[in-house]
Each structure stands twice: as structure tokens, then as C-alpha cells.
Amino acid sequence: MKRRTFLAGTTALMALPSLPALAQDDLRAVAREAYIYTYPMVKNYLTMYQYALEPGGNQYKGPLNTLVSIARVYTPEDTAIITPNSDTPYSFIVFDLRAEPVVVTMPPIEKNRYYSLQLIDLYTNNVDYPGTRVDGNGGGDFLVTGPGWKGDIPKGIKRVIEMPTALAIGIVRTQLFSPDDLAKVKEIQSGYKAQLLSAYAGTPAPDVLPPTDWPPISDDLMVTNYWSLAAFLLQFAPPYPGDELQRENLAKLGVRERATWPGTDLSPETVALMKEVAIATEKEIRDEAARLTDSSKIFGTPEFMKGRFMVRAAAAQGGIYGNSVQEALYVIYAFDAQKALLDGKTGKYTLTLTPETLPPVDAFWSLTMYDRPKQFLVDNPVDRYLINSPMLAGLKKNDKGEIVLHLQHESPGPELESNWLPAPAEIFYVVMRLYLPRAEALDGRWAPPPIEALS
């Protein structure tokens, strides 16, 4: 990866040129492109802020550069991340890499358990994956640096990973085999650690950065303050090669690194139009997200996502922090086999698993239910949000040896309740996750089983 220089703590502003005159249609088109380009950064900052910059908030996990583990799976009460999984307890860290790198420690674990540290830049690209697939289960100390860092690498570092942005997020997933396995997961999580490089190496700490005035963000502020948030975040995200036109578009709109938006060079009419475009384009991104069904094409490395700005935005809206396909393949079910929307108010559905249709994985698979309007897990009387491969032994088979899963709002009855995945009484979608998918899943030899509507 080409190194880019980031100047931490710079506060001086160069004289800003006047904005070029743009026709209204041209301005609308430029603002639309700029919104699509910056949307993943702002959406990402929403989670970062809730997790690390809002002490006292109901989603707060801990300070910047601190690794915090959640010794449970996600429930409907967890609302900071849309479309979360609920079968790998999470650990989180929000990185601020401006002053110095951070060393993250992964403990050694048993060979048959999956774990990974997904490292995601501010643009929401997946940069690296310390853990089972890339490094095995032997653990190690990983040095995570900001863009363009140059310094001495201490002994004991297994790998150096350069993040392309100074703000980043790390998500650790630790496989949970069953509810009885939670104590073991807690033990593993106690071995996850994060230290500033100076503390790890026992060297003098660098100069402290001037305090950063982190702007508040919420779902509402993403609408009313969108462009000022986007301008604030540019300082942490050097442009990738090929992003030059997008940055030029932002400058035409007065959205500049370390500059307050709106500036004095923007007319009230331009400000109003940009806010209007933001609302309209968010709906466009949401509609595009609803059409995404092939996860192999919507999450990936910076190189894989290069220039695919609408796909990146739609992925951030529909399922931010999705894994690259080599790590996890997602099958997104929004329609039944007859192409009708899945609706728990009016329909009942089945998904049949046979030896031929069982998801082929080297780790595990799961099938998780979400309400479509909010994109969160579904509250239900049996507290079951998914069915996964560790549950296979407890699922009933029919007289053909098939496992028929029932996706519906009301219980299918005591005899079938073991195979029931509760749905909301409204439109919903289901995500099948294949962790460490095998070759036949990646090359198309395996076909996901359809969801069938009961008459």
C-alpha cells in the first residue's frame, strides 16, 4: 500500500479560494456525488462516537485506543450497529492513531474455535484480519499504525498493519459454541489487550496532541449537521489514489479539511440545496441497500472497493462492518422463492436444510432474523435471534431426514418450536452467514436453499 503523510495536530488554515459558480443542476449533481462519497465516513463516526466518545451514552464501551469486550451475544437492545450478528461475542476498539501506533494482543486459543480482529478504516474498508484465517490461532502482538507512520518496531511484534486513516475501528469476534461455552469465551476475551506503542516498548511517549473537539452525532444530527460532520472527518482520512475528483467536488461545496461548514463563501441558497440533496440521496442509498443481496461484491479491502462509492455507501447503510467474503459470506434473504417480500404479518415461511444445502464452512454458519425498517434483531418470547450450526443436534428432522426451519411470527406449535426462528409482525429479512466459507460456497457450486412461503 502506498504510504501517505498525515500531519497530526495541524490547525492553521490556508486562505480559501472563493467557490466557483455552479448552475443549480450541476450543484445538485456534485452534492449528490459528495454525499455518496462521504456517507460511509459519517455513518462510521456515528458508531465510533457512541462507542468511545460519549461517556454515559447507552452504547458507550470505553475510551479511544482501549479494547473492551462484551461477554454476551447481541440482543435487540443493541442498536449502535445495524444488522449485527448474535453468535460471536464482540470486543471493540476505536483507534485514534495520530499520536502513535497501538499494539493489539490476540491470545492463543484452541484450534477448532474461530476468532478474528477485523480492522476497518474510516471509509469502512476492511484493511486486515489478524486471527484464524490469516495468522492461525497461535495469537501474537500486532502493531497497528496510522497512515505514513515510520518508527522503530520493537521485538515481539508479529505483524505491522498500516491503517490508511487515522481514525479506525477494530472488531474482535470470538466464536461461542453454546450458552455453556460463555465462561470459556470470557477467558479468551480477558487475553485481548491494547497498548500504546510507547507503553508496550517502554519508550518515552510522544507529545500530547491538542484536545480534539469531537462534534456530537446522532441519527438526527446526521441529517441536520451532515456536511459539517463530513468536513470535520476529512482531516482523519487521507484520500486514496483515484479519489481526487471526489475531493475536488467536496471543495466546490465548501467541504474542506479543517474548515467550518458552511463558510462565508456559501450562499444561503446553496446551503439549503445541499441539505435537500443530502436527504434525497440518503433515501437513494437506502433504496440501493435494499437491493444488495450478494455480499461477495459489497464488502472488501480498499483495493477491492476502489471507486465503488455507491456500493460502499449502500453497504454502510445496510450492514456496516460486513466482513470480506474470504472471512464470511453473507446470503441476504429479503424475498421468498416467488420474489415476494418476506412479511411476518401476513406470511409464514420455511427454509429446508439437507446434506446438500447445508452451508459449507470451515468455521460455522448462522441464520439471523432482522426487522426490515430498523435493521435490528427481533424481540421474541423465546429470546431466539438466530439458528446456527452448533444448534444442529437440537433441531428436529422430518421423515426424509431434512431439517425444516420455520420463519414466522407466531409459534408453529410445541412439536416444531425447536426449529422456529421468530419473525416480527412486519416486513423482515434474514441473513445467512458462512464463516470461513469453503471453495464451493465461493465459486457457486453450493446454492443457498430458498425460503418458501407456506400457502
Protein backbone atom coordinates (compact mmCIF):
# COMPACT_ATOMS: atom_id res chain seq x y z
CA MET A 1 0.00 0.00 0.00
CA LYS A 2 1.31 3.43 -0.90
CA ARG A 3 2.19 5.47 2.19
CA ARG A 4 0.52 8.82 2.71
CA THR A 5 1.71 11.51 5.11
CA PHE A 6 -0.65 12.69 7.86
CA LEU A 7 0.26 15.82 9.85
CA ALA A 8 -1.16 15.38 13.34
CA GLY A 9 -2.29 18.43 15.25
CA THR A 10 -2.13 20.89 12.35
CA THR A 11 -4.54 23.74 12.98
CA ALA A 12 -3.53 26.55 10.63
CA LEU A 13 -5.84 27.18 7.68
CA MET A 14 -4.64 28.35 4.32
CA ALA A 15 -6.56 31.11 2.62
CA LEU A 16 -9.60 29.57 0.99
CA PRO A 17 -10.45 30.46 -2.59
CA SER A 18 -13.96 31.57 -3.44
CA LEU A 19 -16.31 28.86 -4.59
CA PRO A 20 -16.72 28.61 -8.36
CA ALA A 21 -20.16 29.45 -9.64
CA LEU A 22 -22.19 26.34 -10.41
CA ALA A 23 -25.54 26.01 -12.12
CA GLN A 24 -28.20 24.57 -9.83
CA ASP A 25 -28.35 21.24 -11.69
CA ASP A 26 -24.56 20.97 -11.61
CA LEU A 27 -24.51 21.82 -7.92
CA ARG A 28 -27.11 19.18 -7.21
CA ALA A 29 -25.10 16.53 -9.09
CA VAL A 30 -21.85 17.49 -7.35
CA ALA A 31 -23.54 17.44 -3.93
CA ARG A 32 -25.03 14.02 -4.63
CA GLU A 33 -21.63 12.56 -5.53
CA ALA A 34 -20.04 14.19 -2.48
CA TYR A 35 -22.71 12.80 -0.17
CA ILE A 36 -22.29 9.26 -1.51
CA TYR A 37 -18.52 9.52 -1.10
CA THR A 38 -18.60 10.77 2.49
CA TYR A 39 -21.62 8.84 3.78
CA PRO A 40 -19.64 5.78 4.99
CA MET A 41 -17.29 8.03 6.99
CA VAL A 42 -20.14 9.84 8.72
CA LYS A 43 -22.03 6.59 9.36
CA ASN A 44 -18.84 5.06 10.77
CA TYR A 45 -18.28 8.08 13.01
CA LEU A 46 -21.78 7.61 14.42
CA THR A 47 -20.73 4.24 15.85
CA MET A 48 -17.29 5.46 16.89
CA TYR A 49 -18.82 8.38 18.76
CA GLN A 50 -21.37 6.21 20.58
CA TYR A 51 -18.75 3.60 21.47
CA ALA A 52 -15.78 5.75 22.51
CA LEU A 53 -16.64 9.46 22.65
CA GLU A 54 -19.96 9.62 24.51
CA PRO A 55 -19.37 8.58 28.14
CA GLY A 56 -22.71 7.95 29.77
CA GLY A 57 -24.38 7.05 26.47
CA ASN A 58 -26.27 3.76 26.40
CA GLN A 59 -23.91 2.32 23.75
CA TYR A 60 -20.64 3.54 25.31
CA LYS A 61 -17.89 0.88 25.53
CA GLY A 62 -14.73 2.74 26.64
CA PRO A 63 -12.19 5.46 25.71
CA LEU A 64 -10.26 5.72 22.47
CA ASN A 65 -7.47 3.13 21.97
CA THR A 66 -8.99 0.90 24.66
CA LEU A 67 -10.10 -2.65 23.86
CA VAL A 68 -13.36 -3.53 25.57
CA SER A 69 -15.04 -6.95 25.46
CA ILE A 70 -18.75 -7.69 25.71
CA ALA A 71 -19.15 -11.11 27.33
CA ARG A 72 -22.50 -11.86 25.73
CA VAL A 73 -24.10 -12.03 22.31
CA TYR A 74 -26.06 -9.12 20.84
CA THR A 75 -29.78 -8.67 21.56
CA PRO A 76 -32.48 -6.27 20.27
CA GLU A 77 -31.31 -3.76 22.90
CA ASP A 78 -28.02 -3.26 20.99
CA THR A 79 -28.75 -0.54 18.47
CA ALA A 80 -25.43 1.14 17.62
CA ILE A 81 -24.72 -1.29 14.77
CA ILE A 82 -27.34 -2.32 12.24
CA THR A 83 -27.64 -5.96 11.16
CA PRO A 84 -25.37 -7.26 13.96
CA ASN A 85 -24.57 -10.92 14.34
CA SER A 86 -25.61 -12.65 17.56
CA ASP A 87 -23.36 -15.70 17.65
CA THR A 88 -19.89 -14.24 18.28
CA PRO A 89 -19.43 -12.14 21.41
CA TYR A 90 -17.75 -8.91 20.37
CA SER A 91 -14.75 -6.94 21.56
CA PHE A 92 -14.26 -3.39 20.29
CA ILE A 93 -11.59 -0.74 19.95
CA VAL A 94 -11.84 2.70 18.35
CA PHE A 95 -8.39 3.81 17.22
CA ASP A 96 -7.03 7.35 17.19
CA LEU A 97 -3.63 6.75 15.56
CA ARG A 98 -2.49 10.36 15.13
CA ALA A 99 -0.02 10.47 18.03
CA GLU A 100 1.37 6.93 17.96
CA PRO A 101 0.52 3.34 16.97
CA VAL A 102 -1.35 0.84 19.12
CA VAL A 103 -0.30 -2.76 19.86
CA VAL A 104 -3.19 -5.23 19.96
CA THR A 105 -2.63 -8.63 21.56
CA MET A 106 -4.53 -11.73 20.44
CA PRO A 107 -4.15 -14.68 22.86
CA PRO A 108 -3.53 -18.23 21.62
CA ILE A 109 -6.74 -20.30 21.52
CA GLU A 110 -7.73 -23.88 20.70
CA LYS A 111 -7.56 -24.90 17.03
CA ASN A 112 -11.27 -25.57 16.46
CA ARG A 113 -12.52 -22.12 17.58
CA TYR A 114 -12.81 -19.13 15.23
CA TYR A 115 -11.64 -15.65 16.15
CA SER A 116 -10.65 -12.56 14.20
CA LEU A 117 -9.79 -8.88 14.57
CA GLN A 118 -11.46 -7.02 11.72
CA LEU A 119 -9.58 -3.76 11.13
CA ILE A 120 -11.76 -1.18 9.38
CA ASP A 121 -10.65 2.24 8.18
CA LEU A 122 -12.75 5.39 8.40
CA TYR A 123 -14.06 4.79 4.87
CA THR A 124 -15.39 1.37 6.11
CA ASN A 125 -12.90 -0.66 4.04
CA ASN A 126 -11.62 -3.91 5.58
CA VAL A 127 -7.86 -3.45 5.85
CA ASP A 128 -6.69 -6.62 7.62
CA TYR A 129 -7.76 -9.64 9.70
CA PRO A 130 -5.39 -10.82 12.44
CA GLY A 131 -6.78 -14.15 13.59
CA THR A 132 -7.74 -17.64 12.45
CA ARG A 133 -7.78 -17.23 8.66
CA VAL A 134 -4.68 -15.06 8.23
CA ASP A 135 -2.47 -15.93 11.21
CA GLY A 136 -3.88 -19.13 12.70
CA ASN A 137 -4.87 -19.47 16.35
CA GLY A 138 -1.43 -19.01 17.89
CA GLY A 139 -2.06 -15.40 18.86
CA GLY A 140 0.50 -12.60 18.89
CA ASP A 141 1.13 -8.88 19.21
CA PHE A 142 0.07 -6.80 16.20
CA LEU A 143 1.29 -3.22 15.68
CA VAL A 144 -1.48 -1.06 14.21
CA THR A 145 -0.16 2.25 12.82
CA GLY A 146 -1.66 5.34 11.28
CA PRO A 147 -1.01 6.37 7.66
CA GLY A 148 2.62 7.04 6.83
CA TRP A 149 4.00 6.09 10.25
CA LYS A 150 7.73 5.50 10.38
CA GLY A 151 9.36 4.37 13.57
CA ASP A 152 11.20 1.58 15.34
CA ILE A 153 9.39 -1.73 15.57
CA PRO A 154 10.00 -3.39 18.95
CA LYS A 155 10.84 -7.06 19.38
CA GLY A 156 7.88 -9.35 19.82
CA ILE A 157 5.67 -7.80 17.14
CA LYS A 158 4.14 -10.48 14.93
CA ARG A 159 2.97 -8.16 12.16
CA VAL A 160 2.78 -4.43 11.39
CA ILE A 161 -0.54 -3.26 9.92
CA GLU A 162 -0.74 0.25 8.49
CA MET A 163 -4.23 1.76 8.57
CA PRO A 164 -4.90 4.20 5.73
CA THR A 165 -6.84 6.55 8.06
CA ALA A 166 -6.00 8.00 11.46
CA LEU A 167 -9.42 7.10 12.87
CA ALA A 168 -10.29 3.42 12.59
CA ILE A 169 -12.25 0.72 14.36
CA GLY A 170 -11.38 -2.84 15.33
CA ILE A 171 -13.97 -5.56 15.92
CA VAL A 172 -12.97 -8.87 17.51
CA ARG A 173 -15.32 -11.81 17.03
CA THR A 174 -14.91 -14.87 19.25
CA GLN A 175 -16.89 -17.98 18.40
CA LEU A 176 -19.38 -19.14 21.03
CA PHE A 177 -20.24 -22.83 20.75
CA SER A 178 -23.23 -22.82 23.12
CA PRO A 179 -24.58 -20.92 26.15
CA ASP A 180 -22.49 -23.24 28.36
CA ASP A 181 -19.37 -22.05 26.50
CA LEU A 182 -19.65 -18.44 27.66
CA ALA A 183 -17.17 -18.88 30.53
CA LYS A 184 -14.51 -20.03 28.06
CA VAL A 185 -15.22 -17.06 25.79
CA LYS A 186 -14.82 -14.70 28.76
CA GLU A 187 -11.45 -16.31 29.48
CA ILE A 188 -10.34 -15.75 25.88
CA GLN A 189 -11.60 -12.17 25.91
CA SER A 190 -9.55 -11.45 29.03
CA GLY A 191 -6.48 -12.09 26.87
CA TYR A 192 -7.33 -9.37 24.32
CA LYS A 193 -5.27 -6.27 25.08
CA ALA A 194 -4.43 -2.90 23.51
CA GLN A 195 -1.48 -0.70 24.48
CA LEU A 196 0.00 2.45 23.03
CA LEU A 197 3.33 1.64 21.41
CA SER A 198 5.30 3.69 23.96
CA ALA A 199 3.76 1.74 26.84
CA TYR A 200 4.38 -1.59 25.11
CA ALA A 201 8.02 -0.79 24.28
CA GLY A 202 8.80 1.16 27.46
CA THR A 203 9.85 4.25 25.49
CA PRO A 204 9.01 7.93 26.04
CA ALA A 205 5.52 8.87 24.91
CA PRO A 206 5.25 11.39 22.06
CA ASP A 207 3.98 14.90 22.63
CA VAL A 208 0.33 15.03 23.60
CA LEU A 209 -1.95 16.27 20.84
CA PRO A 210 -4.04 19.38 21.41
CA PRO A 211 -7.53 18.40 22.66
CA THR A 212 -9.92 17.47 19.86
CA ASP A 213 -13.40 18.95 19.93
CA TRP A 214 -15.33 15.87 18.82
CA PRO A 215 -18.66 17.02 17.37
CA PRO A 216 -21.70 15.16 18.68
CA ILE A 217 -23.57 12.94 16.26
CA SER A 218 -26.86 11.08 16.34
CA ASP A 219 -29.34 9.83 13.75
CA ASP A 220 -30.99 13.25 13.79
CA LEU A 221 -27.69 15.17 13.63
CA MET A 222 -26.66 13.05 10.66
CA VAL A 223 -29.47 14.84 8.85
CA THR A 224 -29.23 18.39 10.20
CA ASN A 225 -25.42 18.61 10.55
CA TYR A 226 -24.32 16.22 7.84
CA TRP A 227 -21.98 18.45 5.83
CA SER A 228 -20.23 19.92 8.87
CA LEU A 229 -19.61 16.37 10.16
CA ALA A 230 -18.22 15.33 6.78
CA ALA A 231 -15.89 18.35 6.74
CA PHE A 232 -14.63 17.51 10.24
CA LEU A 233 -13.82 13.91 9.31
CA LEU A 234 -11.73 14.72 6.24
CA GLN A 235 -8.71 15.54 8.43
CA PHE A 236 -8.55 11.90 9.58
CA ALA A 237 -8.91 10.32 6.12
CA PRO A 238 -6.19 11.00 3.53
CA PRO A 239 -7.65 10.41 0.07
CA TYR A 240 -6.95 7.14 -1.67
CA PRO A 241 -5.35 7.33 -5.12
CA GLY A 242 -8.27 7.81 -7.51
CA ASP A 243 -10.31 9.92 -5.06
CA GLU A 244 -9.06 13.23 -6.47
CA LEU A 245 -12.32 14.08 -8.27
CA GLN A 246 -14.35 13.35 -5.15
CA ARG A 247 -12.18 15.68 -3.07
CA GLU A 248 -12.46 18.37 -5.76
CA ASN A 249 -16.24 18.02 -5.60
CA LEU A 250 -16.16 18.49 -1.84
CA ALA A 251 -14.02 21.61 -2.18
CA LYS A 252 -16.53 23.06 -4.66
CA LEU A 253 -19.15 22.71 -1.94
CA GLY A 254 -17.03 24.32 0.76
CA VAL A 255 -16.49 20.95 2.48
CA ARG A 256 -12.78 21.20 3.21
CA GLU A 257 -10.41 19.63 5.70
CA ARG A 258 -10.29 21.62 8.97
CA ALA A 259 -12.71 24.23 7.61
CA THR A 260 -16.04 25.09 9.22
CA TRP A 261 -19.10 24.37 7.12
CA PRO A 262 -20.93 26.39 5.95
CA GLY A 263 -18.30 29.01 5.30
CA THR A 264 -18.88 32.60 4.32
CA ASP A 265 -18.33 31.71 0.66
CA LEU A 266 -21.58 29.70 0.54
CA SER A 267 -24.87 31.41 -0.22
CA PRO A 268 -27.95 30.54 1.85
CA GLU A 269 -29.49 29.06 -1.30
CA THR A 270 -26.51 26.71 -1.76
CA VAL A 271 -26.65 25.63 1.88
CA ALA A 272 -30.37 24.89 1.59
CA LEU A 273 -29.88 22.95 -1.65
CA MET A 274 -27.06 20.85 -0.17
CA LYS A 275 -29.22 19.91 2.81
CA GLU A 276 -32.04 18.99 0.45
CA VAL A 277 -29.70 16.84 -1.65
CA ALA A 278 -28.45 15.07 1.48
CA ILE A 279 -31.97 13.98 2.43
CA ALA A 280 -32.81 12.83 -1.10
CA THR A 281 -29.52 10.96 -1.57
CA GLU A 282 -29.82 9.19 1.79
CA LYS A 283 -33.09 7.73 0.53
CA GLU A 284 -31.37 6.72 -2.71
CA ILE A 285 -28.63 4.96 -0.72
CA ARG A 286 -31.24 3.24 1.45
CA ASP A 287 -33.09 2.00 -1.64
CA GLU A 288 -29.83 0.74 -3.13
CA ALA A 289 -29.01 -1.08 0.12
CA ALA A 290 -32.34 -2.90 -0.10
CA ARG A 291 -31.27 -4.30 -3.47
CA LEU A 292 -27.93 -5.66 -2.29
CA THR A 293 -28.03 -9.44 -2.00
CA ASP A 294 -24.53 -10.61 -2.99
CA SER A 295 -22.21 -9.90 -0.06
CA SER A 296 -19.16 -11.02 -2.05
CA LYS A 297 -19.40 -7.76 -4.01
CA ILE A 298 -20.18 -5.22 -1.28
CA PHE A 299 -17.52 -5.57 1.45
CA GLY A 300 -13.78 -5.76 1.00
CA THR A 301 -10.32 -4.27 1.04
CA PRO A 302 -9.51 -0.72 -0.08
CA GLU A 303 -8.30 -2.12 -3.38
CA PHE A 304 -11.48 -4.16 -3.90
CA MET A 305 -13.75 -1.20 -3.09
CA LYS A 306 -11.77 1.36 -5.11
CA GLY A 307 -14.09 3.73 -6.97
CA ARG A 308 -17.24 1.84 -5.92
CA PHE A 309 -18.63 4.71 -3.89
CA MET A 310 -22.35 3.92 -4.12
CA VAL A 311 -21.80 0.26 -3.23
CA ARG A 312 -19.67 1.29 -0.25
CA ALA A 313 -22.33 3.75 0.91
CA ALA A 314 -25.17 1.26 0.50
CA ALA A 315 -23.20 -1.39 2.38
CA ALA A 316 -22.57 1.08 5.22
CA GLN A 317 -26.28 1.83 5.35
CA GLY A 318 -27.50 -1.76 5.07
CA GLY A 319 -24.92 -3.63 7.14
CA ILE A 320 -21.93 -1.58 8.23
CA TYR A 321 -18.78 -3.56 9.16
CA GLY A 322 -19.66 -6.53 7.00
CA ASN A 323 -16.78 -8.94 6.53
CA SER A 324 -14.82 -9.50 3.35
CA VAL A 325 -16.07 -12.60 1.57
CA GLN A 326 -12.93 -14.64 2.37
CA GLU A 327 -13.75 -14.17 6.05
CA ALA A 328 -17.52 -14.52 5.93
CA LEU A 329 -20.01 -14.97 3.10
CA TYR A 330 -23.44 -13.41 3.65
CA VAL A 331 -26.61 -14.62 1.98
CA ILE A 332 -29.23 -11.88 2.34
CA TYR A 333 -32.83 -13.06 2.13
CA ALA A 334 -35.30 -10.21 1.59
CA PHE A 335 -37.69 -12.13 -0.68
CA ASP A 336 -39.17 -15.63 -0.82
CA ALA A 337 -38.67 -18.03 -3.72
CA GLN A 338 -41.52 -16.34 -5.60
CA LYS A 339 -39.81 -12.91 -5.28
CA ALA A 340 -42.35 -11.60 -2.77
CA LEU A 341 -41.22 -9.56 0.25
CA LEU A 342 -40.88 -11.51 3.47
CA ASP A 343 -43.72 -10.29 5.71
CA GLY A 344 -44.34 -11.73 9.16
CA LYS A 345 -47.74 -10.06 9.41
CA THR A 346 -49.27 -11.95 6.51
CA GLY A 347 -46.95 -14.88 5.77
CA LYS A 348 -45.32 -18.00 7.18
CA TYR A 349 -42.13 -19.41 5.67
CA THR A 350 -39.83 -22.41 5.69
CA LEU A 351 -36.17 -22.98 4.85
CA THR A 352 -35.14 -26.61 4.35
CA LEU A 353 -31.65 -27.89 5.13
CA THR A 354 -30.42 -31.14 3.58
CA PRO A 355 -26.92 -32.63 3.41
CA GLU A 356 -26.60 -30.93 0.02
CA THR A 357 -27.84 -27.49 1.11
CA LEU A 358 -26.09 -27.23 4.50
CA PRO A 359 -23.74 -24.24 4.25
CA PRO A 360 -20.15 -25.45 3.57
CA VAL A 361 -17.80 -23.77 6.08
CA ASP A 362 -14.51 -24.30 7.86
CA ALA A 363 -15.74 -22.40 10.93
CA PHE A 364 -19.53 -22.16 11.42
CA TRP A 365 -22.73 -20.79 9.86
CA SER A 366 -25.77 -18.97 11.23
CA LEU A 367 -29.19 -17.73 10.09
CA THR A 368 -30.27 -14.49 11.82
CA MET A 369 -33.59 -12.61 11.79
CA TYR A 370 -33.95 -8.80 11.45
CA ASP A 371 -36.88 -6.41 11.19
CA ARG A 372 -36.56 -4.52 7.95
CA PRO A 373 -37.50 -0.97 8.99
CA LYS A 374 -34.95 -0.67 11.82
CA GLN A 375 -32.46 -3.40 10.78
CA PHE A 376 -32.08 -4.74 14.33
CA LEU A 377 -32.55 -8.12 15.97
CA VAL A 378 -36.17 -9.11 16.66
CA ASP A 379 -37.52 -9.30 20.21
CA ASN A 380 -39.49 -12.51 20.75
CA PRO A 381 -40.89 -14.67 23.57
CA VAL A 382 -38.18 -17.38 23.33
CA ASP A 383 -35.22 -14.96 23.07
CA ARG A 384 -34.03 -16.68 19.90
CA TYR A 385 -32.49 -14.40 17.31
CA LEU A 386 -30.76 -17.00 15.15
CA ILE A 387 -30.29 -20.65 14.34
CA ASN A 388 -26.70 -21.77 13.77
CA SER A 389 -24.58 -24.84 13.15
CA PRO A 390 -23.80 -25.52 16.84
CA MET A 391 -27.58 -25.95 17.31
CA LEU A 392 -27.94 -28.69 14.69
CA ALA A 393 -28.07 -31.55 17.18
CA GLY A 394 -31.12 -29.98 18.86
CA LEU A 395 -33.12 -29.42 15.65
CA LYS A 396 -35.83 -31.87 14.59
CA LYS A 397 -35.69 -33.77 11.30
CA ASN A 398 -38.70 -34.81 9.25
CA ASP A 399 -39.28 -38.32 7.90
CA LYS A 400 -37.00 -37.50 4.94
CA GLY A 401 -34.12 -36.57 7.23
CA GLU A 402 -34.50 -32.88 6.38
CA ILE A 403 -34.32 -30.02 8.85
CA VAL A 404 -37.19 -27.65 8.11
CA LEU A 405 -36.78 -24.24 9.75
CA HIS A 406 -39.94 -22.21 10.39
CA LEU A 407 -39.72 -18.44 9.93
CA GLN A 408 -42.91 -16.84 11.21
CA HIS A 409 -44.29 -14.50 13.86
CA GLU A 410 -46.32 -17.00 15.87
CA SER A 411 -45.01 -20.28 17.21
CA PRO A 412 -45.50 -23.22 14.82
CA GLY A 413 -46.52 -25.33 17.85
CA PRO A 414 -44.69 -27.31 20.54
CA GLU A 415 -43.65 -30.09 18.16
CA LEU A 416 -41.89 -27.68 15.79
CA GLU A 417 -40.76 -24.93 18.16
CA SER A 418 -37.17 -26.21 18.26
CA ASN A 419 -36.94 -25.27 14.56
CA TRP A 420 -38.65 -21.88 14.94
CA LEU A 421 -36.87 -18.64 14.09
CA PRO A 422 -39.30 -15.94 15.31
CA ALA A 423 -40.13 -13.15 12.87
CA PRO A 424 -41.65 -9.73 13.56
CA ALA A 425 -45.25 -8.98 12.61
CA GLU A 426 -43.98 -6.82 9.74
CA ILE A 427 -41.61 -6.93 6.80
CA PHE A 428 -38.32 -8.64 7.69
CA TYR A 429 -35.12 -10.01 6.22
CA VAL A 430 -32.82 -12.87 7.15
CA VAL A 431 -29.05 -13.13 6.81
CA MET A 432 -27.19 -16.43 6.48
CA ARG A 433 -23.53 -16.07 7.48
CA LEU A 434 -20.86 -18.56 6.44
CA TYR A 435 -17.67 -18.01 8.47
CA LEU A 436 -14.57 -19.18 6.58
CA PRO A 437 -16.65 -20.34 3.60
CA ARG A 438 -15.28 -23.26 1.62
CA ALA A 439 -14.40 -23.10 -2.07
CA GLU A 440 -17.75 -24.49 -3.21
CA ALA A 441 -19.53 -21.61 -1.48
CA LEU A 442 -17.23 -19.03 -3.07
CA ASP A 443 -17.26 -20.40 -6.62
CA GLY A 444 -21.00 -21.06 -6.85
CA ARG A 445 -21.08 -24.86 -6.66
CA TRP A 446 -23.16 -24.56 -3.49
CA ALA A 447 -26.52 -22.82 -3.87
CA PRO A 448 -28.23 -21.32 -0.82
CA PRO A 449 -31.55 -23.03 -0.03
CA PRO A 450 -34.57 -20.82 -0.83
CA ILE A 451 -37.12 -19.51 1.62
CA GLU A 452 -40.53 -20.87 0.69
CA ALA A 453 -43.87 -19.27 1.56
CA LEU A 454 -46.47 -21.58 3.08
CA SER A 455 -49.84 -21.41 1.35
